[in-house]
Amino acid sequence: MLEIITPGTSLALFRAVERHRFQGPVIFASFHHRELLAIPDGPKLVLFEGVPVKPTAFALEAQASHVGISVESITFDYVRALRDAGLQVFVYTVDDPRDVGWLRSMEVDGIISNRPEIVPKG
């Protein structure tokens, strides 16, 4: 996963990945949603803080395949709406081991953590 942090850099980053013929999937992620719109092809992870009024609208408009939700903002209904729209759901930043169990019960697709040892594989 490559996170686009600096506005105006997404297309150059996309072209660099293409130029180097990286072997494997690359997911482009950003809180800067306009940057994701500039990526012409491939998996995109739209990062959100909070819950948008229309939980799936921008992710679908940006042709995202993944959505990243803050652990502080996640709800069962939000996850269900995203998954029903065909989007994969990742939760960030999960550093408390007590959160891992209930997040897995929500059937999220991935957990992003600064402490990978607390997240079971598989």
C-alpha atoms as a PDB file:
ATOM      1  CA  MET A   1       0.000   0.000   0.000  1.00  0.00           C
ATOM      2  CA  LEU A   2       1.283   3.439  -0.917  1.00  0.00           C
ATOM      3  CA  GLU A   3      -0.244   6.362   0.932  1.00  0.00           C
ATOM      4  CA  ILE A   4      -0.386   9.630  -0.987  1.00  0.00           C
ATOM      5  CA  ILE A   5       0.286  12.310   1.600  1.00  0.00           C
ATOM      6  CA  THR A   6       1.377  15.273  -0.514  1.00  0.00           C
ATOM      7  CA  PRO A   7      -1.262  16.833  -2.781  1.00  0.00           C
ATOM      8  CA  GLY A   8      -0.318  16.891  -6.463  1.00  0.00           C
ATOM      9  CA  THR A   9       1.877  13.790  -6.376  1.00  0.00           C
ATOM     10  CA  SER A  10      -0.485  10.928  -7.170  1.00  0.00           C
ATOM     11  CA  LEU A  11      -0.055  10.754 -10.927  1.00  0.00           C
ATOM     12  CA  ALA A  12       3.761  10.912 -10.657  1.00  0.00           C
ATOM     13  CA  LEU A  13       3.654   8.139  -8.053  1.00  0.00           C
ATOM     14  CA  PHE A  14       1.388   6.010 -10.254  1.00  0.00           C
ATOM     15  CA  ARG A  15       3.726   6.482 -13.240  1.00  0.00           C
ATOM     16  CA  ALA A  16       6.785   5.632 -11.137  1.00  0.00           C
ATOM     17  CA  VAL A  17       5.186   2.355 -10.067  1.00  0.00           C
ATOM     18  CA  GLU A  18       4.363   1.556 -13.701  1.00  0.00           C
ATOM     19  CA  ARG A  19       7.849   2.524 -14.898  1.00  0.00           C
ATOM     20  CA  HIS A  20       9.522   0.223 -12.387  1.00  0.00           C
ATOM     21  CA  ARG A  21       7.173  -2.659 -13.311  1.00  0.00           C
ATOM     22  CA  PHE A  22       6.556  -3.520  -9.688  1.00  0.00           C
ATOM     23  CA  GLN A  23       5.486  -7.159  -9.474  1.00  0.00           C
ATOM     24  CA  GLY A  24       2.520  -7.445  -7.169  1.00  0.00           C
ATOM     25  CA  PRO A  25      -0.566  -5.534  -6.196  1.00  0.00           C
ATOM     26  CA  VAL A  26      -0.206  -1.881  -5.245  1.00  0.00           C
ATOM     27  CA  ILE A  27      -3.061  -0.165  -3.441  1.00  0.00           C
ATOM     28  CA  PHE A  28      -2.979   3.634  -3.569  1.00  0.00           C
ATOM     29  CA  ALA A  29      -4.405   5.196  -0.395  1.00  0.00           C
ATOM     30  CA  SER A  30      -5.098   8.771   0.650  1.00  0.00           C
ATOM     31  CA  PHE A  31      -7.112  11.143   2.788  1.00  0.00           C
ATOM     32  CA  HIS A  32      -6.709  13.565  -0.155  1.00  0.00           C
ATOM     33  CA  HIS A  33      -9.603  12.203  -2.172  1.00  0.00           C
ATOM     34  CA  ARG A  34      -8.849  14.295  -5.271  1.00  0.00           C
ATOM     35  CA  GLU A  35      -5.494  12.562  -5.456  1.00  0.00           C
ATOM     36  CA  LEU A  36      -7.240   9.214  -5.805  1.00  0.00           C
ATOM     37  CA  LEU A  37      -9.368  10.572  -8.635  1.00  0.00           C
ATOM     38  CA  ALA A  38      -6.131  11.255 -10.542  1.00  0.00           C
ATOM     39  CA  ILE A  39      -5.024   7.603 -10.350  1.00  0.00           C
ATOM     40  CA  PRO A  40      -6.148   6.116 -13.676  1.00  0.00           C
ATOM     41  CA  ASP A  41      -6.199   2.427 -12.792  1.00  0.00           C
ATOM     42  CA  GLY A  42      -5.833  -0.114 -10.031  1.00  0.00           C
ATOM     43  CA  PRO A  43      -6.923  -0.621  -6.458  1.00  0.00           C
ATOM     44  CA  LYS A  44      -7.584   2.521  -4.415  1.00  0.00           C
ATOM     45  CA  LEU A  45      -8.169   2.864  -0.697  1.00  0.00           C
ATOM     46  CA  VAL A  46     -10.170   5.934   0.306  1.00  0.00           C
ATOM     47  CA  LEU A  47      -9.259   6.967   3.855  1.00  0.00           C
ATOM     48  CA  PHE A  48     -11.955   8.594   5.985  1.00  0.00           C
ATOM     49  CA  GLU A  49     -11.975  10.290   9.350  1.00  0.00           C
ATOM     50  CA  GLY A  50     -15.493  10.200  10.744  1.00  0.00           C
ATOM     51  CA  VAL A  51     -18.532   8.877   8.928  1.00  0.00           C
ATOM     52  CA  PRO A  52     -19.644  10.648   5.745  1.00  0.00           C
ATOM     53  CA  VAL A  53     -23.316  11.523   5.302  1.00  0.00           C
ATOM     54  CA  LYS A  54     -23.449   9.098   2.369  1.00  0.00           C
ATOM     55  CA  PRO A  55     -21.108   6.305   3.464  1.00  0.00           C
ATOM     56  CA  THR A  56     -20.477   4.807   0.029  1.00  0.00           C
ATOM     57  CA  ALA A  57     -20.921   7.732  -2.388  1.00  0.00           C
ATOM     58  CA  PHE A  58     -17.380   9.048  -2.732  1.00  0.00           C
ATOM     59  CA  ALA A  59     -15.723   5.649  -2.583  1.00  0.00           C
ATOM     60  CA  LEU A  60     -17.873   4.473  -5.490  1.00  0.00           C
ATOM     61  CA  GLU A  61     -17.380   7.716  -7.433  1.00  0.00           C
ATOM     62  CA  ALA A  62     -13.605   7.374  -7.066  1.00  0.00           C
ATOM     63  CA  GLN A  63     -13.869   3.762  -8.233  1.00  0.00           C
ATOM     64  CA  ALA A  64     -12.258   2.699  -4.971  1.00  0.00           C
ATOM     65  CA  SER A  65     -11.927  -0.941  -4.115  1.00  0.00           C
ATOM     66  CA  HIS A  66     -11.095  -0.376  -0.449  1.00  0.00           C
ATOM     67  CA  VAL A  67     -12.109   2.021   2.306  1.00  0.00           C
ATOM     68  CA  GLY A  68     -10.055   2.825   5.386  1.00  0.00           C
ATOM     69  CA  ILE A  69     -11.970   3.859   8.496  1.00  0.00           C
ATOM     70  CA  SER A  70     -10.583   5.171  11.758  1.00  0.00           C
ATOM     71  CA  VAL A  71     -11.093   2.779  14.658  1.00  0.00           C
ATOM     72  CA  GLU A  72     -12.805   5.671  16.475  1.00  0.00           C
ATOM     73  CA  SER A  73     -15.412   6.027  13.686  1.00  0.00           C
ATOM     74  CA  ILE A  74     -16.307   2.459  12.852  1.00  0.00           C
ATOM     75  CA  THR A  75     -19.811   1.122  13.361  1.00  0.00           C
ATOM     76  CA  PHE A  76     -21.440  -2.118  12.312  1.00  0.00           C
ATOM     77  CA  ASP A  77     -23.872  -0.264  10.003  1.00  0.00           C
ATOM     78  CA  TYR A  78     -21.043   1.655   8.332  1.00  0.00           C
ATOM     79  CA  VAL A  79     -19.108  -1.558   7.657  1.00  0.00           C
ATOM     80  CA  ARG A  80     -22.229  -3.284   6.356  1.00  0.00           C
ATOM     81  CA  ALA A  81     -23.048  -0.420   3.944  1.00  0.00           C
ATOM     82  CA  LEU A  82     -19.524  -0.459   2.538  1.00  0.00           C
ATOM     83  CA  ARG A  83     -19.378  -4.235   2.190  1.00  0.00           C
ATOM     84  CA  ASP A  84     -22.861  -4.320   0.604  1.00  0.00           C
ATOM     85  CA  ALA A  85     -21.491  -1.872  -1.989  1.00  0.00           C
ATOM     86  CA  GLY A  86     -18.701  -4.348  -2.801  1.00  0.00           C
ATOM     87  CA  LEU A  87     -15.937  -2.442  -1.008  1.00  0.00           C
ATOM     88  CA  GLN A  88     -13.264  -3.977   1.184  1.00  0.00           C
ATOM     89  CA  VAL A  89     -13.033  -2.387   4.628  1.00  0.00           C
ATOM     90  CA  PHE A  90      -9.811  -1.696   6.508  1.00  0.00           C
ATOM     91  CA  VAL A  91      -9.601  -0.136   9.965  1.00  0.00           C
ATOM     92  CA  TYR A  92      -6.736   2.082  11.119  1.00  0.00           C
ATOM     93  CA  THR A  93      -4.873   2.596  13.536  1.00  0.00           C
ATOM     94  CA  VAL A  94      -5.595  -0.317  15.842  1.00  0.00           C
ATOM     95  CA  ASP A  95      -2.975  -0.504  18.577  1.00  0.00           C
ATOM     96  CA  ASP A  96      -5.068  -1.855  21.463  1.00  0.00           C
ATOM     97  CA  PRO A  97      -5.286  -5.665  21.443  1.00  0.00           C
ATOM     98  CA  ARG A  98      -8.775  -5.448  22.983  1.00  0.00           C
ATOM     99  CA  ASP A  99     -10.065  -3.852  19.750  1.00  0.00           C
ATOM    100  CA  VAL A 100      -8.934  -6.695  17.473  1.00  0.00           C
ATOM    101  CA  GLY A 101     -11.632  -9.193  18.525  1.00  0.00           C
ATOM    102  CA  TRP A 102     -14.642  -6.938  18.017  1.00  0.00           C
ATOM    103  CA  LEU A 103     -13.245  -5.636  14.716  1.00  0.00           C
ATOM    104  CA  ARG A 104     -12.856  -9.188  13.428  1.00  0.00           C
ATOM    105  CA  SER A 105     -16.439  -9.904  14.511  1.00  0.00           C
ATOM    106  CA  MET A 106     -17.514  -7.052  12.200  1.00  0.00           C
ATOM    107  CA  GLU A 107     -15.836  -8.947   9.359  1.00  0.00           C
ATOM    108  CA  VAL A 108     -13.486  -6.156   8.329  1.00  0.00           C
ATOM    109  CA  ASP A 109     -11.041  -7.152   5.610  1.00  0.00           C
ATOM    110  CA  GLY A 110      -7.941  -5.721   7.226  1.00  0.00           C
ATOM    111  CA  ILE A 111      -6.560  -4.108  10.326  1.00  0.00           C
ATOM    112  CA  ILE A 112      -3.807  -1.486  10.121  1.00  0.00           C
ATOM    113  CA  SER A 113      -1.687  -1.274  13.258  1.00  0.00           C
ATOM    114  CA  ASN A 114       1.584   0.094  14.559  1.00  0.00           C
ATOM    115  CA  ARG A 115       1.746  -3.179  16.509  1.00  0.00           C
ATOM    116  CA  PRO A 116       1.379  -5.956  13.893  1.00  0.00           C
ATOM    117  CA  GLU A 117       2.050  -8.631  16.504  1.00  0.00           C
ATOM    118  CA  ILE A 118      -1.431  -8.047  17.999  1.00  0.00           C
ATOM    119  CA  VAL A 119      -3.211  -8.784  14.698  1.00  0.00           C
ATOM    120  CA  PRO A 120      -3.666 -12.490  13.983  1.00  0.00           C
ATOM    121  CA  LYS A 121      -2.744 -13.658  10.498  1.00  0.00           C
ATOM    122  CA  GLY A 122      -5.524 -15.048   8.319  1.00  0.00           C
END
